Amino acid sequence: MSDKPSYLGLLNAISLGESEAGCYLNAWAAVTTDPGVRKVISTVALRESEHGMAFAKRLCELGYDVVPRDQAEANEKLAIASSPTMSDKEKFEKLGLGRSVPDRVESDVFTRMFADTTVDIQTGQLLGRYVAEERDSGRLLAGCYSALCTQANGASAAPAALSATVVAGLEARLGRVEELLGCLVEQLAARN
C-alpha cells in the first residue's frame, strides 16, 4: 500500500492553473484603461497568485514538488490578456471569464474536490478557503463582465460608473457579512 496521497494531482493542477491565471490577469490589469476593470482583475490576480503559491507550498509540505506542464495554453491566454488592442469585454469572452456562478451543487465543479475522503485536515482547510475565494472571484468577474456588456449595449455607463457598480456590489456583500457576523456574536453571547 502506498503512502502517497491520492489528491496530489489535484493540488498540482490547482497550483499550476492558479499561478498561470495570476500571471495573465496581472498582465491584463497592466494594460486595461478602465479603473473599475483594473480593480476587479487585480483583486482576482492577487488571489490566483496566492493560491498557486499556497498549493505549491502544501505539495512541498507533503514531500512533493509541483510537476510542470506544457505552457502553450498559458502562453495563449497571456497573449490575449496582455493585448493592448483587444477590449476588456473581448478578453472576458476569449478567456472564458465572467460567466454566471453556478447556483446548484450539481453544476459546481468545486464540490467534486471534496469527494476524496482521505484528504488531510490541513489540505481540507486550504481547499475550503480556495473554493470560497474562487466562488467570490467568479461573482466579481461576472459582475464586471455584466457591466461591460451593459456598457457595450449602449447604456451610458462610463468607466467611473463601472467602478461604482463594482464597489456597490462589494459594499452590499460586506454589509451582509457584517450582518451575519453580528447575528453570530449575538448567538454566542446568548449561550454564555
Protein backbone atom coordinates (compact mmCIF):
# COMPACT_ATOMS: atom_id res chain seq x y z
CA MET A 1 0.00 0.00 0.00
CA SER A 2 1.33 3.44 -0.95
CA ASP A 3 1.62 6.36 1.46
CA LYS A 4 1.37 8.75 -1.48
CA PRO A 5 -1.76 10.93 -1.08
CA SER A 6 -4.39 10.34 -3.74
CA TYR A 7 -5.02 14.06 -4.14
CA LEU A 8 -1.52 15.14 -5.25
CA GLY A 9 -2.67 15.56 -8.86
CA LEU A 10 -5.45 17.89 -7.75
CA LEU A 11 -3.06 20.02 -5.69
CA ASN A 12 -0.60 20.15 -8.59
CA ALA A 13 -3.28 21.14 -11.11
CA ILE A 14 -4.59 23.88 -8.83
CA SER A 15 -1.11 25.25 -8.20
CA LEU A 16 -0.27 25.40 -11.90
CA GLY A 17 -3.64 26.77 -13.02
CA GLU A 18 -3.79 29.44 -10.34
CA SER A 19 -0.19 30.56 -10.93
CA GLU A 20 -0.85 30.85 -14.66
CA ALA A 21 -4.09 32.78 -14.06
CA GLY A 22 -2.31 35.18 -11.70
CA CYS A 23 0.27 35.84 -14.39
CA TYR A 24 -2.13 36.58 -17.24
CA LEU A 25 -4.55 38.54 -15.06
CA ASN A 26 -1.71 40.77 -13.85
CA ALA A 27 -0.77 41.38 -17.49
CA TRP A 28 -4.40 42.33 -18.22
CA ALA A 29 -4.57 44.70 -15.26
CA ALA A 30 -1.43 46.42 -16.54
CA VAL A 31 -2.97 47.25 -19.94
CA THR A 32 -6.64 47.98 -19.21
CA THR A 33 -7.64 51.64 -19.33
CA ASP A 34 -10.73 51.13 -17.16
CA PRO A 35 -10.03 51.66 -13.44
CA GLY A 36 -13.07 49.56 -12.43
CA VAL A 37 -11.92 46.62 -14.53
CA ARG A 38 -8.36 47.06 -13.26
CA LYS A 39 -9.57 46.88 -9.64
CA VAL A 40 -11.51 43.65 -10.18
CA ILE A 41 -8.83 41.98 -12.31
CA SER A 42 -6.07 42.99 -9.87
CA THR A 43 -8.01 41.61 -6.91
CA VAL A 44 -8.62 38.30 -8.63
CA ALA A 45 -4.99 38.17 -9.87
CA LEU A 46 -3.72 38.53 -6.31
CA ARG A 47 -5.94 35.68 -5.17
CA GLU A 48 -4.92 33.44 -8.05
CA SER A 49 -1.20 34.07 -7.48
CA GLU A 50 -1.54 33.40 -3.75
CA HIS A 51 -3.47 30.18 -4.43
CA GLY A 52 -0.75 28.98 -6.78
CA MET A 53 1.89 29.54 -4.13
CA ALA A 54 -0.21 28.10 -1.28
CA PHE A 55 -0.84 24.85 -3.16
CA ALA A 56 2.83 24.60 -4.21
CA LYS A 57 3.73 25.07 -0.54
CA ARG A 58 1.29 22.34 0.51
CA LEU A 59 2.80 19.95 -2.03
CA CYS A 60 6.24 20.75 -0.61
CA GLU A 61 4.99 20.15 2.96
CA LEU A 62 3.74 16.75 1.84
CA GLY A 63 7.19 15.99 0.38
CA TYR A 64 6.46 16.56 -3.31
CA ASP A 65 7.21 19.14 -5.99
CA VAL A 66 4.97 20.88 -8.49
CA VAL A 67 5.18 18.97 -11.77
CA PRO A 68 5.20 21.45 -14.66
CA ARG A 69 3.07 21.07 -17.77
CA ASP A 70 3.13 22.34 -21.32
CA GLN A 71 2.92 26.14 -21.41
CA ALA A 72 1.20 26.52 -24.81
CA GLU A 73 -2.27 27.22 -23.37
CA ALA A 74 -0.86 29.54 -20.69
CA ASN A 75 1.09 31.47 -23.32
CA GLU A 76 -2.04 31.81 -25.45
CA LYS A 77 -4.01 33.22 -22.51
CA LEU A 78 -1.16 35.60 -21.68
CA ALA A 79 -1.17 36.91 -25.27
CA ILE A 80 -4.93 37.58 -25.07
CA ALA A 81 -4.77 39.22 -21.64
CA SER A 82 -1.82 41.47 -22.46
CA SER A 83 -3.20 42.64 -25.81
CA PRO A 84 -3.44 46.43 -25.85
CA THR A 85 -5.83 46.35 -28.83
CA MET A 86 -8.46 43.90 -27.57
CA SER A 87 -11.32 45.30 -25.46
CA ASP A 88 -11.87 44.14 -21.89
CA LYS A 89 -15.18 42.59 -22.94
CA GLU A 90 -13.42 40.61 -25.69
CA LYS A 91 -10.82 39.41 -23.19
CA PHE A 92 -13.54 38.18 -20.83
CA GLU A 93 -15.09 36.23 -23.70
CA LYS A 94 -11.89 34.80 -25.15
CA LEU A 95 -10.61 33.76 -21.73
CA GLY A 96 -13.97 32.26 -20.73
CA LEU A 97 -14.35 34.52 -17.70
CA GLY A 98 -17.37 36.33 -16.35
CA ARG A 99 -19.85 33.50 -16.75
CA SER A 100 -22.53 33.28 -14.13
CA VAL A 101 -21.65 31.44 -10.94
CA PRO A 102 -23.41 28.06 -10.57
CA ASP A 103 -26.22 28.14 -8.05
CA ARG A 104 -26.68 24.37 -7.84
CA VAL A 105 -24.35 21.79 -6.33
CA GLU A 106 -24.64 19.53 -9.39
CA SER A 107 -23.17 22.19 -11.68
CA ASP A 108 -20.44 23.38 -9.29
CA VAL A 109 -17.03 21.98 -10.26
CA PHE A 110 -15.67 22.62 -6.77
CA THR A 111 -17.97 20.18 -4.95
CA ARG A 112 -16.17 17.25 -6.57
CA MET A 113 -12.94 18.25 -4.83
CA PHE A 114 -14.34 17.01 -1.53
CA ALA A 115 -15.28 13.55 -2.79
CA ASP A 116 -11.87 12.18 -1.70
CA THR A 117 -12.41 11.26 1.95
CA THR A 118 -8.67 10.74 2.53
CA VAL A 119 -7.85 14.48 2.33
CA ASP A 120 -5.95 15.50 5.47
CA ILE A 121 -7.18 18.35 7.68
CA GLN A 122 -4.62 20.96 6.59
CA THR A 123 -5.24 20.28 2.90
CA GLY A 124 -9.00 20.30 3.51
CA GLN A 125 -8.76 23.72 5.14
CA LEU A 126 -6.72 25.03 2.21
CA LEU A 127 -9.23 23.62 -0.27
CA GLY A 128 -12.13 25.15 1.65
CA ARG A 129 -10.62 28.64 1.63
CA TYR A 130 -9.65 28.25 -2.02
CA VAL A 131 -13.18 27.26 -3.04
CA ALA A 132 -14.78 30.14 -1.12
CA GLU A 133 -12.40 32.65 -2.71
CA GLU A 134 -12.84 31.16 -6.18
CA ARG A 135 -16.62 31.45 -5.91
CA ASP A 136 -16.31 35.07 -4.79
CA SER A 137 -13.86 35.80 -7.60
CA GLY A 138 -16.37 34.29 -10.01
CA ARG A 139 -19.03 36.66 -8.71
CA LEU A 140 -16.68 39.65 -9.04
CA LEU A 141 -15.76 38.72 -12.61
CA ALA A 142 -19.39 38.05 -13.55
CA GLY A 143 -20.42 41.45 -12.21
CA CYS A 144 -17.62 43.20 -14.05
CA TYR A 145 -18.41 41.41 -17.32
CA SER A 146 -22.10 42.18 -16.93
CA ALA A 147 -21.31 45.87 -16.50
CA LEU A 148 -19.12 45.79 -19.61
CA CYS A 149 -21.93 44.13 -21.58
CA THR A 150 -24.39 46.77 -20.38
CA GLN A 151 -21.93 49.46 -21.44
CA ALA A 152 -21.41 47.82 -24.85
CA ASN A 153 -25.18 47.60 -25.40
CA GLY A 154 -25.49 51.37 -25.43
CA ALA A 155 -26.01 52.17 -21.78
CA SER A 156 -24.29 55.33 -20.70
CA ALA A 157 -22.04 53.52 -18.24
CA ALA A 158 -18.73 55.33 -18.23
CA PRO A 159 -15.62 53.74 -16.69
CA ALA A 160 -16.34 55.59 -13.43
CA ALA A 161 -19.86 54.11 -13.39
CA LEU A 162 -18.41 50.64 -13.87
CA SER A 163 -16.19 51.23 -10.89
CA ALA A 164 -19.19 52.43 -8.88
CA THR A 165 -21.11 49.29 -9.89
CA VAL A 166 -18.31 47.03 -8.72
CA VAL A 167 -17.89 48.98 -5.47
CA ALA A 168 -21.65 48.89 -4.78
CA GLY A 169 -21.66 45.11 -5.22
CA LEU A 170 -18.73 44.70 -2.84
CA GLU A 171 -20.32 47.01 -0.28
CA ALA A 172 -23.56 45.03 -0.40
CA ARG A 173 -21.71 41.74 0.16
CA LEU A 174 -19.65 43.21 3.00
CA GLY A 175 -22.83 44.56 4.61
CA ARG A 176 -24.35 41.09 4.51
CA VAL A 177 -21.20 39.56 6.03
CA GLU A 178 -21.26 42.14 8.84
CA GLU A 179 -24.92 41.39 9.47
CA LEU A 180 -24.27 37.64 9.68
CA LEU A 181 -21.28 38.16 11.97
CA GLY A 182 -23.45 40.31 14.25
CA CYS A 183 -26.03 37.53 14.46
CA LEU A 184 -23.32 35.00 15.24
CA VAL A 185 -21.91 37.19 18.03
CA GLU A 186 -25.39 37.57 19.50
CA GLN A 187 -25.97 33.81 19.41
CA LEU A 188 -22.62 33.11 21.07
CA ALA A 189 -23.31 35.73 23.76
CA ALA A 190 -26.72 34.18 24.44
CA ARG A 191 -25.10 30.77 25.03
CA ASN A 192 -22.77 32.15 27.69
